[in-house]
């Protein structure tokens, strides 16, 4: 079938077959189980600031840059760059740890947890 034949098509389904989507929730649950084992990067973001490149180029050893968080304010917990929670730094057996203070999207996390 050439491009000239497209004008003669009465039913586009002949040219673009429709695929059925499985809406079975049990199959969806089984499919999500696979994702539980995929590693993701969890980052605790203390604070940040946006600076012009010229200011960054003038930084020197001992320079102080004021950030956008106050002392004691909850820190951002990011998973693959997406904000997921607010937390704080703790020390566990001599290593830094993370205490979750508030989840940003509890519904999304609870749906993953029910798989």
PDB file of N, CA and C in Angstrom:
ATOM      1  N   UNK A   1       0.854  -1.178   0.000  1.00  0.00           N
ATOM      2  CA  UNK A   1       0.000   0.000   0.000  1.00  0.00           C
ATOM      3  C   UNK A   1       0.894   1.233   0.000  1.00  0.00           C
ATOM      4  N   UNK A   2       0.664   2.113  -0.953  1.00  0.00           N
ATOM      5  CA  UNK A   2       1.457   3.331  -1.044  1.00  0.00           C
ATOM      6  C   UNK A   2       0.733   4.506  -0.399  1.00  0.00           C
ATOM      7  N   UNK A   3       1.402   5.662  -0.403  1.00  0.00           N
ATOM      8  CA  UNK A   3       0.796   6.858   0.195  1.00  0.00           C
ATOM      9  C   UNK A   3      -0.441   7.312  -0.566  1.00  0.00           C
ATOM     10  N   UNK A   4      -0.467   7.050  -1.880  1.00  0.00           N
ATOM     11  CA  UNK A   4      -1.640   7.435  -2.673  1.00  0.00           C
ATOM     12  C   UNK A   4      -2.875   6.651  -2.252  1.00  0.00           C
ATOM     13  N   UNK A   5      -2.686   5.432  -1.721  1.00  0.00           N
ATOM     14  CA  UNK A   5      -3.813   4.600  -1.309  1.00  0.00           C
ATOM     15  C   UNK A   5      -4.450   5.072  -0.005  1.00  0.00           C
ATOM     16  N   UNK A   6      -3.775   5.955   0.761  1.00  0.00           N
ATOM     17  CA  UNK A   6      -4.328   6.420   2.033  1.00  0.00           C
ATOM     18  C   UNK A   6      -5.636   7.172   1.843  1.00  0.00           C
ATOM     19  N   UNK A   7      -5.794   7.879   0.721  1.00  0.00           N
ATOM     20  CA  UNK A   7      -7.028   8.616   0.458  1.00  0.00           C
ATOM     21  C   UNK A   7      -8.216   7.670   0.295  1.00  0.00           C
ATOM     22  N   UNK A   8      -7.958   6.436  -0.096  1.00  0.00           N
ATOM     23  CA  UNK A   8      -9.031   5.487  -0.367  1.00  0.00           C
ATOM     24  C   UNK A   8      -9.405   4.649   0.847  1.00  0.00           C
ATOM     25  N   UNK A   9      -8.742   4.843   1.977  1.00  0.00           N
ATOM     26  CA  UNK A   9      -9.049   4.052   3.170  1.00  0.00           C
ATOM     27  C   UNK A   9     -10.361   4.516   3.782  1.00  0.00           C
ATOM     28  N   UNK A  10     -11.303   3.592   3.948  1.00  0.00           N
ATOM     29  CA  UNK A  10     -12.558   3.917   4.620  1.00  0.00           C
ATOM     30  C   UNK A  10     -12.425   3.721   6.124  1.00  0.00           C
ATOM     31  N   UNK A  11     -11.571   2.795   6.530  1.00  0.00           N
ATOM     32  CA  UNK A  11     -11.441   2.457   7.937  1.00  0.00           C
ATOM     33  C   UNK A  11      -9.964   2.510   8.315  1.00  0.00           C
ATOM     34  N   UNK A  12      -9.593   3.467   9.142  1.00  0.00           N
ATOM     35  CA  UNK A  12      -8.189   3.597   9.540  1.00  0.00           C
ATOM     36  C   UNK A  12      -7.718   2.417  10.370  1.00  0.00           C
ATOM     37  N   UNK A  13      -8.650   1.649  10.963  1.00  0.00           N
ATOM     38  CA  UNK A  13      -8.258   0.477  11.749  1.00  0.00           C
ATOM     39  C   UNK A  13      -7.551  -0.557  10.881  1.00  0.00           C
ATOM     40  N   UNK A  14      -7.849  -0.541   9.576  1.00  0.00           N
ATOM     41  CA  UNK A  14      -7.154  -1.468   8.676  1.00  0.00           C
ATOM     42  C   UNK A  14      -5.673  -1.100   8.567  1.00  0.00           C
ATOM     43  N   UNK A  15      -5.395   0.195   8.648  1.00  0.00           N
ATOM     44  CA  UNK A  15      -4.022   0.668   8.497  1.00  0.00           C
ATOM     45  C   UNK A  15      -3.308   0.757   9.841  1.00  0.00           C
ATOM     46  N   UNK A  16      -4.024   1.165  10.891  1.00  0.00           N
ATOM     47  CA  UNK A  16      -3.489   1.280  12.250  1.00  0.00           C
ATOM     48  C   UNK A  16      -4.297   0.381  13.173  1.00  0.00           C
ATOM     49  N   UNK A  17      -3.901  -0.879  13.325  1.00  0.00           N
ATOM     50  CA  UNK A  17      -4.684  -1.793  14.156  1.00  0.00           C
ATOM     51  C   UNK A  17      -4.767  -1.303  15.607  1.00  0.00           C
ATOM     52  N   UNK A  18      -5.927  -1.462  16.206  1.00  0.00           N
ATOM     53  CA  UNK A  18      -6.155  -1.056  17.591  1.00  0.00           C
ATOM     54  C   UNK A  18      -5.679  -2.174  18.509  1.00  0.00           C
ATOM     55  N   UNK A  19      -4.897  -1.804  19.521  1.00  0.00           N
ATOM     56  CA  UNK A  19      -4.441  -2.781  20.498  1.00  0.00           C
ATOM     57  C   UNK A  19      -5.252  -2.620  21.766  1.00  0.00           C
ATOM     58  N   UNK A  20      -5.709  -3.743  22.313  1.00  0.00           N
ATOM     59  CA  UNK A  20      -6.474  -3.680  23.550  1.00  0.00           C
ATOM     60  C   UNK A  20      -5.524  -3.507  24.723  1.00  0.00           C
ATOM     61  N   UNK A  21      -5.955  -2.709  25.696  1.00  0.00           N
ATOM     62  CA  UNK A  21      -5.165  -2.472  26.899  1.00  0.00           C
ATOM     63  C   UNK A  21      -5.745  -3.319  28.019  1.00  0.00           C
ATOM     64  N   UNK A  22      -4.895  -4.068  28.684  1.00  0.00           N
ATOM     65  CA  UNK A  22      -5.315  -4.919  29.790  1.00  0.00           C
ATOM     66  C   UNK A  22      -5.565  -4.047  31.016  1.00  0.00           C
ATOM     67  N   UNK A  23      -6.806  -4.031  31.508  1.00  0.00           N
ATOM     68  CA  UNK A  23      -7.135  -3.231  32.684  1.00  0.00           C
ATOM     69  C   UNK A  23      -7.319  -4.088  33.922  1.00  0.00           C
ATOM     70  N   UNK A  24      -6.880  -5.315  33.866  1.00  0.00           N
ATOM     71  CA  UNK A  24      -6.979  -6.240  35.000  1.00  0.00           C
ATOM     72  C   UNK A  24      -6.054  -5.771  36.119  1.00  0.00           C
ATOM     73  N   UNK A  25      -6.613  -5.411  37.284  1.00  0.00           N
ATOM     74  CA  UNK A  25      -5.815  -4.881  38.386  1.00  0.00           C
ATOM     75  C   UNK A  25      -4.831  -5.892  38.938  1.00  0.00           C
ATOM     76  N   UNK A  26      -5.167  -7.175  38.931  1.00  0.00           N
ATOM     77  CA  UNK A  26      -4.236  -8.174  39.457  1.00  0.00           C
ATOM     78  C   UNK A  26      -3.000  -8.270  38.565  1.00  0.00           C
ATOM     79  N   UNK A  27      -3.182  -8.137  37.263  1.00  0.00           N
ATOM     80  CA  UNK A  27      -2.034  -8.143  36.350  1.00  0.00           C
ATOM     81  C   UNK A  27      -1.189  -6.899  36.581  1.00  0.00           C
ATOM     82  N   UNK A  28      -1.847  -5.765  36.832  1.00  0.00           N
ATOM     83  CA  UNK A  28      -1.128  -4.525  37.088  1.00  0.00           C
ATOM     84  C   UNK A  28      -0.297  -4.654  38.364  1.00  0.00           C
ATOM     85  N   UNK A  29      -0.861  -5.266  39.396  1.00  0.00           N
ATOM     86  CA  UNK A  29      -0.138  -5.462  40.650  1.00  0.00           C
ATOM     87  C   UNK A  29       1.089  -6.333  40.445  1.00  0.00           C
ATOM     88  N   UNK A  30       0.948  -7.379  39.678  1.00  0.00           N
ATOM     89  CA  UNK A  30       2.097  -8.253  39.403  1.00  0.00           C
ATOM     90  C   UNK A  30       3.169  -7.499  38.640  1.00  0.00           C
ATOM     91  N   UNK A  31       2.767  -6.655  37.702  1.00  0.00           N
ATOM     92  CA  UNK A  31       3.722  -5.888  36.913  1.00  0.00           C
ATOM     93  C   UNK A  31       4.487  -4.900  37.792  1.00  0.00           C
ATOM     94  N   UNK A  32       3.828  -4.275  38.776  1.00  0.00           N
ATOM     95  CA  UNK A  32       4.476  -3.308  39.643  1.00  0.00           C
ATOM     96  C   UNK A  32       5.477  -3.955  40.586  1.00  0.00           C
ATOM     97  N   UNK A  33       5.292  -5.206  40.902  1.00  0.00           N
ATOM     98  CA  UNK A  33       6.217  -5.906  41.797  1.00  0.00           C
ATOM     99  C   UNK A  33       7.640  -5.861  41.235  1.00  0.00           C
ATOM    100  N   UNK A  34       7.778  -5.906  39.947  1.00  0.00           N
ATOM    101  CA  UNK A  34       9.087  -5.841  39.291  1.00  0.00           C
ATOM    102  C   UNK A  34       9.832  -4.564  39.672  1.00  0.00           C
ATOM    103  N   UNK A  35       9.103  -3.446  39.790  1.00  0.00           N
ATOM    104  CA  UNK A  35       9.727  -2.151  40.038  1.00  0.00           C
ATOM    105  C   UNK A  35      10.295  -2.017  41.454  1.00  0.00           C
ATOM    106  N   UNK A  36       9.846  -2.854  42.386  1.00  0.00           N
ATOM    107  CA  UNK A  36      10.341  -2.784  43.762  1.00  0.00           C
ATOM    108  C   UNK A  36      11.837  -3.054  43.860  1.00  0.00           C
ATOM    109  N   UNK A  37      12.412  -3.691  42.872  1.00  0.00           N
ATOM    110  CA  UNK A  37      13.816  -4.087  42.926  1.00  0.00           C
ATOM    111  C   UNK A  37      14.731  -3.166  42.121  1.00  0.00           C
ATOM    112  N   UNK A  38      14.159  -2.145  41.500  1.00  0.00           N
ATOM    113  CA  UNK A  38      14.964  -1.213  40.702  1.00  0.00           C
ATOM    114  C   UNK A  38      15.583  -0.180  41.635  1.00  0.00           C
ATOM    115  N   UNK A  39      16.908  -0.025  41.613  1.00  0.00           N
ATOM    116  CA  UNK A  39      17.536   0.969  42.484  1.00  0.00           C
ATOM    117  C   UNK A  39      17.235   2.393  42.005  1.00  0.00           C
ATOM    118  N   UNK A  40      16.998   3.281  42.973  1.00  0.00           N
ATOM    119  CA  UNK A  40      16.798   4.697  42.683  1.00  0.00           C
ATOM    120  C   UNK A  40      17.747   5.498  43.567  1.00  0.00           C
ATOM    121  N   UNK A  41      18.061   6.693  43.161  1.00  0.00           N
ATOM    122  CA  UNK A  41      18.969   7.540  43.924  1.00  0.00           C
ATOM    123  C   UNK A  41      18.164   8.437  44.858  1.00  0.00           C
ATOM    124  N   UNK A  42      18.398   8.296  46.164  1.00  0.00           N
ATOM    125  CA  UNK A  42      17.751   9.122  47.172  1.00  0.00           C
ATOM    126  C   UNK A  42      18.755  10.184  47.608  1.00  0.00           C
ATOM    127  N   UNK A  43      18.349  11.442  47.540  1.00  0.00           N
ATOM    128  CA  UNK A  43      19.230  12.559  47.864  1.00  0.00           C
ATOM    129  C   UNK A  43      18.584  13.413  48.947  1.00  0.00           C
ATOM    130  N   UNK A  44      19.369  13.801  49.934  1.00  0.00           N
ATOM    131  CA  UNK A  44      18.912  14.741  50.950  1.00  0.00           C
ATOM    132  C   UNK A  44      19.512  16.091  50.589  1.00  0.00           C
ATOM    133  N   UNK A  45      18.665  17.012  50.176  1.00  0.00           N
ATOM    134  CA  UNK A  45      19.122  18.333  49.735  1.00  0.00           C
ATOM    135  C   UNK A  45      19.062  19.299  50.906  1.00  0.00           C
ATOM    136  N   UNK A  46      20.221  19.736  51.350  1.00  0.00           N
ATOM    137  CA  UNK A  46      20.296  20.635  52.498  1.00  0.00           C
ATOM    138  C   UNK A  46      19.682  21.985  52.142  1.00  0.00           C
ATOM    139  N   UNK A  47      20.115  22.578  51.084  1.00  0.00           N
ATOM    140  CA  UNK A  47      19.613  23.874  50.640  1.00  0.00           C
ATOM    141  C   UNK A  47      20.197  24.154  49.269  1.00  0.00           C
ATOM    142  N   UNK A  48      19.776  25.241  48.663  1.00  0.00           N
ATOM    143  CA  UNK A  48      20.317  25.596  47.351  1.00  0.00           C
ATOM    144  C   UNK A  48      20.247  27.104  47.177  1.00  0.00           C
ATOM    145  N   UNK A  49      20.867  27.562  46.111  1.00  0.00           N
ATOM    146  CA  UNK A  49      20.817  28.969  45.750  1.00  0.00           C
ATOM    147  C   UNK A  49      21.081  29.060  44.251  1.00  0.00           C
ATOM    148  N   UNK A  50      20.478  30.026  43.610  1.00  0.00           N
ATOM    149  CA  UNK A  50      20.735  30.266  42.193  1.00  0.00           C
ATOM    150  C   UNK A  50      21.625  31.495  42.099  1.00  0.00           C
ATOM    151  N   UNK A  51      22.770  31.330  41.447  1.00  0.00           N
ATOM    152  CA  UNK A  51      23.746  32.417  41.322  1.00  0.00           C
ATOM    153  C   UNK A  51      24.087  32.655  39.858  1.00  0.00           C
ATOM    154  N   UNK A  52      24.384  33.879  39.504  1.00  0.00           N
ATOM    155  CA  UNK A  52      24.906  34.132  38.155  1.00  0.00           C
ATOM    156  C   UNK A  52      26.277  33.461  38.006  1.00  0.00           C
ATOM    157  N   UNK A  53      26.583  33.016  36.828  1.00  0.00           N
ATOM    158  CA  UNK A  53      27.853  32.338  36.575  1.00  0.00           C
ATOM    159  C   UNK A  53      29.033  33.212  36.966  1.00  0.00           C
ATOM    160  N   UNK A  54      28.927  34.502  36.771  1.00  0.00           N
ATOM    161  CA  UNK A  54      30.014  35.413  37.143  1.00  0.00           C
ATOM    162  C   UNK A  54      30.320  35.351  38.630  1.00  0.00           C
ATOM    163  N   UNK A  55      29.273  35.255  39.473  1.00  0.00           N
ATOM    164  CA  UNK A  55      29.483  35.144  40.923  1.00  0.00           C
ATOM    165  C   UNK A  55      30.150  33.812  41.274  1.00  0.00           C
ATOM    166  N   UNK A  56      29.741  32.746  40.600  1.00  0.00           N
ATOM    167  CA  UNK A  56      30.344  31.432  40.855  1.00  0.00           C
ATOM    168  C   UNK A  56      31.825  31.463  40.492  1.00  0.00           C
ATOM    169  N   UNK A  57      32.156  32.123  39.402  1.00  0.00           N
ATOM    170  CA  UNK A  57      33.547  32.183  38.952  1.00  0.00           C
ATOM    171  C   UNK A  57      34.420  32.975  39.924  1.00  0.00           C
ATOM    172  N   UNK A  58      33.809  33.831  40.748  1.00  0.00           N
ATOM    173  CA  UNK A  58      34.569  34.632  41.707  1.00  0.00           C
ATOM    174  C   UNK A  58      34.701  33.958  43.077  1.00  0.00           C
ATOM    175  N   UNK A  59      34.114  32.781  43.247  1.00  0.00           N
ATOM    176  CA  UNK A  59      34.230  32.076  44.524  1.00  0.00           C
ATOM    177  C   UNK A  59      35.678  31.693  44.772  1.00  0.00           C
ATOM    178  N   UNK A  60      36.069  31.705  46.037  1.00  0.00           N
ATOM    179  CA  UNK A  60      37.437  31.347  46.400  1.00  0.00           C
ATOM    180  C   UNK A  60      37.381  30.530  47.680  1.00  0.00           C
ATOM    181  N   UNK A  61      38.477  29.916  48.022  1.00  0.00           N
ATOM    182  CA  UNK A  61      38.541  29.119  49.234  1.00  0.00           C
ATOM    183  C   UNK A  61      38.191  29.996  50.431  1.00  0.00           C
ATOM    184  N   UNK A  62      37.271  29.534  51.257  1.00  0.00           N
ATOM    185  CA  UNK A  62      36.832  30.303  52.415  1.00  0.00           C
ATOM    186  C   UNK A  62      35.621  31.184  52.147  1.00  0.00           C
ATOM    187  N   UNK A  63      35.168  31.273  50.893  1.00  0.00           N
ATOM    188  CA  UNK A  63      33.995  32.087  50.556  1.00  0.00           C
ATOM    189  C   UNK A  63      32.750  31.461  51.184  1.00  0.00           C
ATOM    190  N   UNK A  64      31.796  32.291  51.558  1.00  0.00           N
ATOM    191  CA  UNK A  64      30.533  31.828  52.143  1.00  0.00           C
ATOM    192  C   UNK A  64      29.402  32.229  51.197  1.00  0.00           C
ATOM    193  N   UNK A  65      28.543  31.265  50.872  1.00  0.00           N
ATOM    194  CA  UNK A  65      27.385  31.515  50.014  1.00  0.00           C
ATOM    195  C   UNK A  65      26.134  31.251  50.842  1.00  0.00           C
ATOM    196  N   UNK A  66      25.274  32.256  50.968  1.00  0.00           N
ATOM    197  CA  UNK A  66      24.038  32.100  51.733  1.00  0.00           C
ATOM    198  C   UNK A  66      23.052  31.257  50.932  1.00  0.00           C
ATOM    199  N   UNK A  67      22.492  30.237  51.599  1.00  0.00           N
ATOM    200  CA  UNK A  67      21.541  29.338  50.953  1.00  0.00           C
ATOM    201  C   UNK A  67      20.108  29.696  51.310  1.00  0.00           C
ATOM    202  N   UNK A  68      19.147  28.996  50.709  1.00  0.00           N
ATOM    203  CA  UNK A  68      17.736  29.358  50.830  1.00  0.00           C
ATOM    204  C   UNK A  68      16.990  28.685  51.981  1.00  0.00           C
ATOM    205  N   UNK A  69      17.666  28.029  52.915  1.00  0.00           N
ATOM    206  CA  UNK A  69      16.996  27.389  54.054  1.00  0.00           C
ATOM    207  C   UNK A  69      17.503  27.979  55.357  1.00  0.00           C
ATOM    208  N   UNK A  70      16.616  28.012  56.345  1.00  0.00           N
ATOM    209  CA  UNK A  70      16.967  28.475  57.671  1.00  0.00           C
ATOM    210  C   UNK A  70      17.459  27.283  58.501  1.00  0.00           C
ATOM    211  N   UNK A  71      18.256  27.539  59.508  1.00  0.00           N
ATOM    212  CA  UNK A  71      18.712  26.500  60.418  1.00  0.00           C
ATOM    213  C   UNK A  71      17.485  25.868  61.070  1.00  0.00           C
ATOM    214  N   UNK A  72      17.438  24.533  61.086  1.00  0.00           N
ATOM    215  CA  UNK A  72      16.325  23.813  61.701  1.00  0.00           C
ATOM    216  C   UNK A  72      15.170  23.541  60.764  1.00  0.00           C
ATOM    217  N   UNK A  73      15.182  24.126  59.584  1.00  0.00           N
ATOM    218  CA  UNK A  73      14.112  23.894  58.615  1.00  0.00           C
ATOM    219  C   UNK A  73      14.259  22.502  58.022  1.00  0.00           C
ATOM    220  N   UNK A  74      13.133  21.828  57.753  1.00  0.00           N
ATOM    221  CA  UNK A  74      13.163  20.489  57.161  1.00  0.00           C
ATOM    222  C   UNK A  74      13.858  20.514  55.804  1.00  0.00           C
ATOM    223  N   UNK A  75      14.594  19.441  55.517  1.00  0.00           N
ATOM    224  CA  UNK A  75      15.350  19.336  54.275  1.00  0.00           C
ATOM    225  C   UNK A  75      14.546  18.569  53.232  1.00  0.00           C
ATOM    226  N   UNK A  76      14.857  18.774  51.965  1.00  0.00           N
ATOM    227  CA  UNK A  76      14.148  18.103  50.878  1.00  0.00           C
ATOM    228  C   UNK A  76      14.742  16.722  50.636  1.00  0.00           C
ATOM    229  N   UNK A  77      13.866  15.718  50.564  1.00  0.00           N
ATOM    230  CA  UNK A  77      14.271  14.357  50.214  1.00  0.00           C
ATOM    231  C   UNK A  77      13.821  14.134  48.776  1.00  0.00           C
ATOM    232  N   UNK A  78      14.774  13.892  47.901  1.00  0.00           N
ATOM    233  CA  UNK A  78      14.473  13.714  46.475  1.00  0.00           C
ATOM    234  C   UNK A  78      14.809  12.294  46.043  1.00  0.00           C
ATOM    235  N   UNK A  79      13.929  11.721  45.236  1.00  0.00           N
ATOM    236  CA  UNK A  79      14.161  10.402  44.658  1.00  0.00           C
ATOM    237  C   UNK A  79      14.258  10.605  43.156  1.00  0.00           C
ATOM    238  N   UNK A  80      15.442  10.310  42.624  1.00  0.00           N
ATOM    239  CA  UNK A  80      15.729  10.567  41.208  1.00  0.00           C
ATOM    240  C   UNK A  80      15.374  12.002  40.820  1.00  0.00           C
ATOM    241  N   UNK A  81      15.649  12.945  41.731  1.00  0.00           N
ATOM    242  CA  UNK A  81      15.445  14.357  41.458  1.00  0.00           C
ATOM    243  C   UNK A  81      14.063  14.885  41.780  1.00  0.00           C
ATOM    244  N   UNK A  82      13.106  14.010  42.069  1.00  0.00           N
ATOM    245  CA  UNK A  82      11.727  14.441  42.341  1.00  0.00           C
ATOM    246  C   UNK A  82      11.508  14.538  43.847  1.00  0.00           C
ATOM    247  N   UNK A  83      10.940  15.654  44.306  1.00  0.00           N
ATOM    248  CA  UNK A  83      10.684  15.861  45.725  1.00  0.00           C
ATOM    249  C   UNK A  83       9.663  14.844  46.216  1.00  0.00           C
ATOM    250  N   UNK A  84      10.057  14.027  47.213  1.00  0.00           N
ATOM    251  CA  UNK A  84       9.171  12.997  47.744  1.00  0.00           C
ATOM    252  C   UNK A  84       8.805  13.228  49.206  1.00  0.00           C
ATOM    253  N   UNK A  85       9.686  13.917  49.966  1.00  0.00           N
ATOM    254  CA  UNK A  85       9.423  14.072  51.397  1.00  0.00           C
ATOM    255  C   UNK A  85      10.248  15.217  51.962  1.00  0.00           C
ATOM    256  N   UNK A  86       9.966  15.540  53.207  1.00  0.00           N
ATOM    257  CA  UNK A  86      10.780  16.462  53.992  1.00  0.00           C
ATOM    258  C   UNK A  86      11.422  15.623  55.085  1.00  0.00           C
ATOM    259  N   UNK A  87      12.676  15.911  55.411  1.00  0.00           N
ATOM    260  CA  UNK A  87      13.366  15.104  56.399  1.00  0.00           C
ATOM    261  C   UNK A  87      14.420  15.884  57.146  1.00  0.00           C
ATOM    262  N   UNK A  88      15.147  15.149  57.996  1.00  0.00           N
ATOM    263  CA  UNK A  88      16.232  15.747  58.748  1.00  0.00           C
ATOM    264  C   UNK A  88      17.382  14.753  58.838  1.00  0.00           C
ATOM    265  N   UNK A  89      18.572  15.277  59.066  1.00  0.00           N
ATOM    266  CA  UNK A  89      19.763  14.448  59.196  1.00  0.00           C
ATOM    267  C   UNK A  89      19.817  13.898  60.615  1.00  0.00           C
ATOM    268  N   UNK A  90      20.136  12.610  60.729  1.00  0.00           N
ATOM    269  CA  UNK A  90      20.368  11.974  62.023  1.00  0.00           C
ATOM    270  C   UNK A  90      21.681  11.214  61.937  1.00  0.00           C
ATOM    271  N   UNK A  91      22.221  10.840  63.093  1.00  0.00           N
ATOM    272  CA  UNK A  91      23.434  10.027  63.129  1.00  0.00           C
ATOM    273  C   UNK A  91      23.054   8.649  63.661  1.00  0.00           C
ATOM    274  N   UNK A  92      23.399   7.603  62.896  1.00  0.00           N
ATOM    275  CA  UNK A  92      23.081   6.230  63.262  1.00  0.00           C
ATOM    276  C   UNK A  92      24.374   5.432  63.263  1.00  0.00           C
ATOM    277  N   UNK A  93      24.815   5.008  64.456  1.00  0.00           N
ATOM    278  CA  UNK A  93      26.050   4.220  64.587  1.00  0.00           C
ATOM    279  C   UNK A  93      27.234   4.887  63.902  1.00  0.00           C
ATOM    280  N   UNK A  94      27.355   6.188  64.057  1.00  0.00           N
ATOM    281  CA  UNK A  94      28.489   6.909  63.497  1.00  0.00           C
ATOM    282  C   UNK A  94      28.349   7.285  62.030  1.00  0.00           C
ATOM    283  N   UNK A  95      27.229   6.943  61.394  1.00  0.00           N
ATOM    284  CA  UNK A  95      26.995   7.299  59.990  1.00  0.00           C
ATOM    285  C   UNK A  95      25.804   8.244  59.907  1.00  0.00           C
ATOM    286  N   UNK A  96      25.800   9.087  58.883  1.00  0.00           N
ATOM    287  CA  UNK A  96      24.646   9.947  58.663  1.00  0.00           C
ATOM    288  C   UNK A  96      23.456   9.100  58.260  1.00  0.00           C
ATOM    289  N   UNK A  97      22.282   9.522  58.680  1.00  0.00           N
ATOM    290  CA  UNK A  97      21.042   8.871  58.307  1.00  0.00           C
ATOM    291  C   UNK A  97      19.998   9.914  57.973  1.00  0.00           C
ATOM    292  N   UNK A  98      18.812   9.456  57.649  1.00  0.00           N
ATOM    293  CA  UNK A  98      17.728  10.327  57.238  1.00  0.00           C
ATOM    294  C   UNK A  98      16.472   9.947  58.003  1.00  0.00           C
ATOM    295  N   UNK A  99      15.836  10.918  58.644  1.00  0.00           N
ATOM    296  CA  UNK A  99      14.542  10.697  59.295  1.00  0.00           C
ATOM    297  C   UNK A  99      13.497  11.420  58.458  1.00  0.00           C
ATOM    298  N   UNK A 100      12.487  10.679  58.015  1.00  0.00           N
ATOM    299  CA  UNK A 100      11.402  11.268  57.234  1.00  0.00           C
ATOM    300  C   UNK A 100      10.460  11.992  58.187  1.00  0.00           C
ATOM    301  N   UNK A 101      10.207  13.265  57.922  1.00  0.00           N
ATOM    302  CA  UNK A 101       9.301  14.060  58.744  1.00  0.00           C
ATOM    303  C   UNK A 101       7.913  14.160  58.124  1.00  0.00           C
ATOM    304  N   UNK A 102       7.841  14.266  56.812  1.00  0.00           N
ATOM    305  CA  UNK A 102       6.551  14.398  56.124  1.00  0.00           C
ATOM    306  C   UNK A 102       6.706  13.930  54.686  1.00  0.00           C
ATOM    307  N   UNK A 103       5.756  13.130  54.225  1.00  0.00           N
ATOM    308  CA  UNK A 103       5.745  12.689  52.831  1.00  0.00           C
ATOM    309  C   UNK A 103       5.025  13.729  51.987  1.00  0.00           C
ATOM    310  N   UNK A 104       5.537  13.998  50.798  1.00  0.00           N
ATOM    311  CA  UNK A 104       4.917  14.968  49.909  1.00  0.00           C
ATOM    312  C   UNK A 104       3.695  14.384  49.216  1.00  0.00           C
ATOM    313  N   UNK A 105       3.773  13.123  48.802  1.00  0.00           N
ATOM    314  CA  UNK A 105       2.684  12.491  48.060  1.00  0.00           C
ATOM    315  C   UNK A 105       2.417  11.124  48.680  1.00  0.00           C
ATOM    316  N   UNK A 106       1.719  11.121  49.813  1.00  0.00           N
ATOM    317  CA  UNK A 106       1.466   9.879  50.544  1.00  0.00           C
ATOM    318  C   UNK A 106       0.634   8.905  49.726  1.00  0.00           C
ATOM    319  N   UNK A 107      -0.285   9.394  48.918  1.00  0.00           N
ATOM    320  CA  UNK A 107      -1.142   8.514  48.133  1.00  0.00           C
ATOM    321  C   UNK A 107      -0.317   7.707  47.137  1.00  0.00           C
ATOM    322  N   UNK A 108       0.611   8.355  46.436  1.00  0.00           N
ATOM    323  CA  UNK A 108       1.435   7.646  45.453  1.00  0.00           C
ATOM    324  C   UNK A 108       2.289   6.588  46.140  1.00  0.00           C
ATOM    325  N   UNK A 109       2.865   6.920  47.298  1.00  0.00           N
ATOM    326  CA  UNK A 109       3.682   5.958  48.007  1.00  0.00           C
ATOM    327  C   UNK A 109       2.861   4.814  48.572  1.00  0.00           C
ATOM    328  N   UNK A 110       1.655   5.087  49.071  1.00  0.00           N
ATOM    329  CA  UNK A 110       0.817   4.018  49.615  1.00  0.00           C
ATOM    330  C   UNK A 110       0.342   3.080  48.516  1.00  0.00           C
ATOM    331  N   UNK A 111       0.111   3.606  47.322  1.00  0.00           N
ATOM    332  CA  UNK A 111      -0.269   2.739  46.209  1.00  0.00           C
ATOM    333  C   UNK A 111       0.860   1.796  45.849  1.00  0.00           C
ATOM    334  N   UNK A 112       2.105   2.290  45.885  1.00  0.00           N
ATOM    335  CA  UNK A 112       3.237   1.418  45.622  1.00  0.00           C
ATOM    336  C   UNK A 112       3.392   0.382  46.731  1.00  0.00           C
ATOM    337  N   UNK A 113       3.102   0.781  47.960  1.00  0.00           N
ATOM    338  CA  UNK A 113       3.242  -0.128  49.099  1.00  0.00           C
ATOM    339  C   UNK A 113       2.204  -1.213  49.147  1.00  0.00           C
ATOM    340  N   UNK A 114       1.086  -1.041  48.461  1.00  0.00           N
ATOM    341  CA  UNK A 114       0.018  -2.046  48.506  1.00  0.00           C
ATOM    342  C   UNK A 114       0.177  -3.120  47.447  1.00  0.00           C
ATOM    343  N   UNK A 115       1.238  -3.047  46.691  1.00  0.00           N
ATOM    344  CA  UNK A 115       1.457  -4.029  45.618  1.00  0.00           C
ATOM    345  C   UNK A 115       1.850  -5.347  46.214  1.00  0.00           C
TER     346      UNK A 115
END
